[in-house]
Amino acid sequence: MLASGANTAADAVIEMAGGQNVFSSFENYKPVNTEALVAAAPDYVLAMTRPGMDPSDDIRALPGIELTPAGKNDRIIAMDGQALLGFGPRTAASIRELARRIGPLTD
């Protein structure tokens, strides 16, 4: 599993949506093993889709995911990676959608 650390586009949109990146202790994108995933205990797993590719089932099958709050509660969020991370005209709406999915909005 490749995780997004601090100073990444994913880290930025998670923060903008009101979430907290459980992998912000390192920078950039790095592979994480089962032990690191379980120790991070994410409430949600955010995955990027591409046309014709949704990684949700692959994430559900990862070793250890079932030991995390995200896995136990099937909180895998798959979103269009280009819309969410591309910082283009669809990004604001995508961040708002992410915020809606991870918790109540506070305007």
Protein backbone atom coordinates (compact mmCIF):
# COMPACT_ATOMS: atom_id res chain seq x y z
CA MET A 1 0.00 0.00 0.00
CA LEU A 2 1.29 3.44 -0.91
CA ALA A 3 0.43 6.08 1.68
CA SER A 4 0.40 9.85 1.30
CA GLY A 5 2.48 11.60 3.90
CA ALA A 6 2.82 15.28 4.71
CA ASN A 7 3.34 17.80 1.92
CA THR A 8 1.37 15.84 -0.66
CA ALA A 9 -1.73 16.80 -2.60
CA ALA A 10 -3.68 14.10 -0.75
CA ASP A 11 -2.53 15.47 2.62
CA ALA A 12 -3.69 18.93 1.59
CA VAL A 13 -7.17 17.86 0.48
CA ILE A 14 -7.66 15.69 3.56
CA GLU A 15 -6.90 18.72 5.72
CA MET A 16 -9.12 21.01 3.60
CA ALA A 17 -11.97 18.51 4.04
CA GLY A 18 -11.56 18.62 7.82
CA GLY A 19 -9.76 15.30 8.19
CA GLN A 20 -6.42 14.36 9.65
CA ASN A 21 -3.85 12.38 7.71
CA VAL A 22 -2.71 9.47 9.91
CA PHE A 23 0.49 9.24 7.86
CA SER A 24 1.62 12.85 8.31
CA SER A 25 4.67 11.72 10.33
CA PHE A 26 6.58 11.30 7.05
CA GLU A 27 6.73 13.33 3.86
CA ASN A 28 5.75 12.42 0.32
CA TYR A 29 4.37 9.05 -0.79
CA LYS A 30 5.78 5.90 0.79
CA PRO A 31 4.89 2.24 0.93
CA VAL A 32 3.55 1.11 4.29
CA ASN A 33 3.47 -2.43 5.58
CA THR A 34 0.66 -4.18 7.43
CA GLU A 35 2.03 -3.28 10.86
CA ALA A 36 2.24 0.44 10.00
CA LEU A 37 -1.29 0.38 8.59
CA VAL A 38 -2.72 -1.27 11.69
CA ALA A 39 -0.75 1.04 14.01
CA ALA A 40 -2.00 4.13 12.15
CA ALA A 41 -5.59 2.96 12.74
CA PRO A 42 -7.25 5.07 10.03
CA ASP A 43 -10.94 5.80 10.46
CA TYR A 44 -11.20 6.10 6.67
CA VAL A 45 -9.06 5.01 3.74
CA LEU A 46 -9.12 7.41 0.81
CA ALA A 47 -8.32 5.85 -2.55
CA MET A 48 -8.04 7.40 -5.98
CA THR A 49 -9.99 6.03 -8.92
CA ARG A 50 -9.18 6.36 -12.58
CA PRO A 51 -11.52 5.69 -15.50
CA GLY A 52 -12.45 2.02 -15.33
CA MET A 53 -10.49 1.37 -12.11
CA ASP A 54 -11.87 1.39 -8.58
CA PRO A 55 -9.38 0.07 -5.99
CA SER A 56 -11.96 -0.40 -3.20
CA ASP A 57 -12.07 -4.20 -3.36
CA ASP A 58 -8.28 -4.42 -3.54
CA ILE A 59 -8.04 -2.26 -0.41
CA ARG A 60 -10.59 -4.41 1.42
CA ALA A 61 -8.37 -7.43 0.63
CA LEU A 62 -5.17 -5.89 2.03
CA PRO A 63 -3.69 -7.80 4.97
CA GLY A 64 -4.48 -5.99 8.20
CA ILE A 65 -7.12 -3.63 6.81
CA GLU A 66 -9.78 -5.57 8.71
CA LEU A 67 -7.98 -4.64 11.95
CA THR A 68 -8.36 -0.90 11.36
CA PRO A 69 -11.45 1.19 12.14
CA ALA A 70 -11.76 1.88 8.39
CA GLY A 71 -11.77 -1.83 7.57
CA LYS A 72 -14.03 -2.86 10.45
CA ASN A 73 -16.62 -0.28 9.41
CA ASP A 74 -16.08 -0.55 5.63
CA ARG A 75 -15.14 3.10 5.34
CA ILE A 76 -13.22 3.00 2.07
CA ILE A 77 -13.73 6.20 0.12
CA ALA A 78 -12.89 5.98 -3.57
CA MET A 79 -12.87 9.26 -5.47
CA ASP A 80 -11.78 10.50 -8.88
CA GLY A 81 -8.08 11.19 -8.37
CA GLN A 82 -7.82 13.82 -11.08
CA ALA A 83 -10.84 15.75 -9.78
CA LEU A 84 -9.70 15.62 -6.16
CA LEU A 85 -5.94 16.01 -6.49
CA GLY A 86 -5.62 17.89 -9.78
CA PHE A 87 -6.35 21.28 -8.19
CA GLY A 88 -8.49 22.23 -11.17
CA PRO A 89 -12.08 23.41 -11.57
CA ARG A 90 -13.56 20.23 -9.99
CA THR A 91 -11.34 20.18 -6.92
CA ALA A 92 -13.47 22.40 -4.68
CA ALA A 93 -16.57 20.28 -5.27
CA SER A 94 -14.53 17.10 -4.71
CA ILE A 95 -13.16 18.40 -1.40
CA ARG A 96 -16.67 19.30 -0.29
CA GLU A 97 -17.82 15.78 -1.21
CA LEU A 98 -14.92 14.29 0.77
CA ALA A 99 -15.83 16.48 3.73
CA ARG A 100 -19.43 15.29 3.52
CA ARG A 101 -18.31 11.67 3.47
CA ILE A 102 -15.94 11.90 6.44
CA GLY A 103 -18.16 13.91 8.73
CA PRO A 104 -20.62 16.73 9.21
CA LEU A 105 -19.89 20.02 7.53
CA THR A 106 -19.32 23.05 9.69
CA ASP A 107 -19.64 26.22 7.66
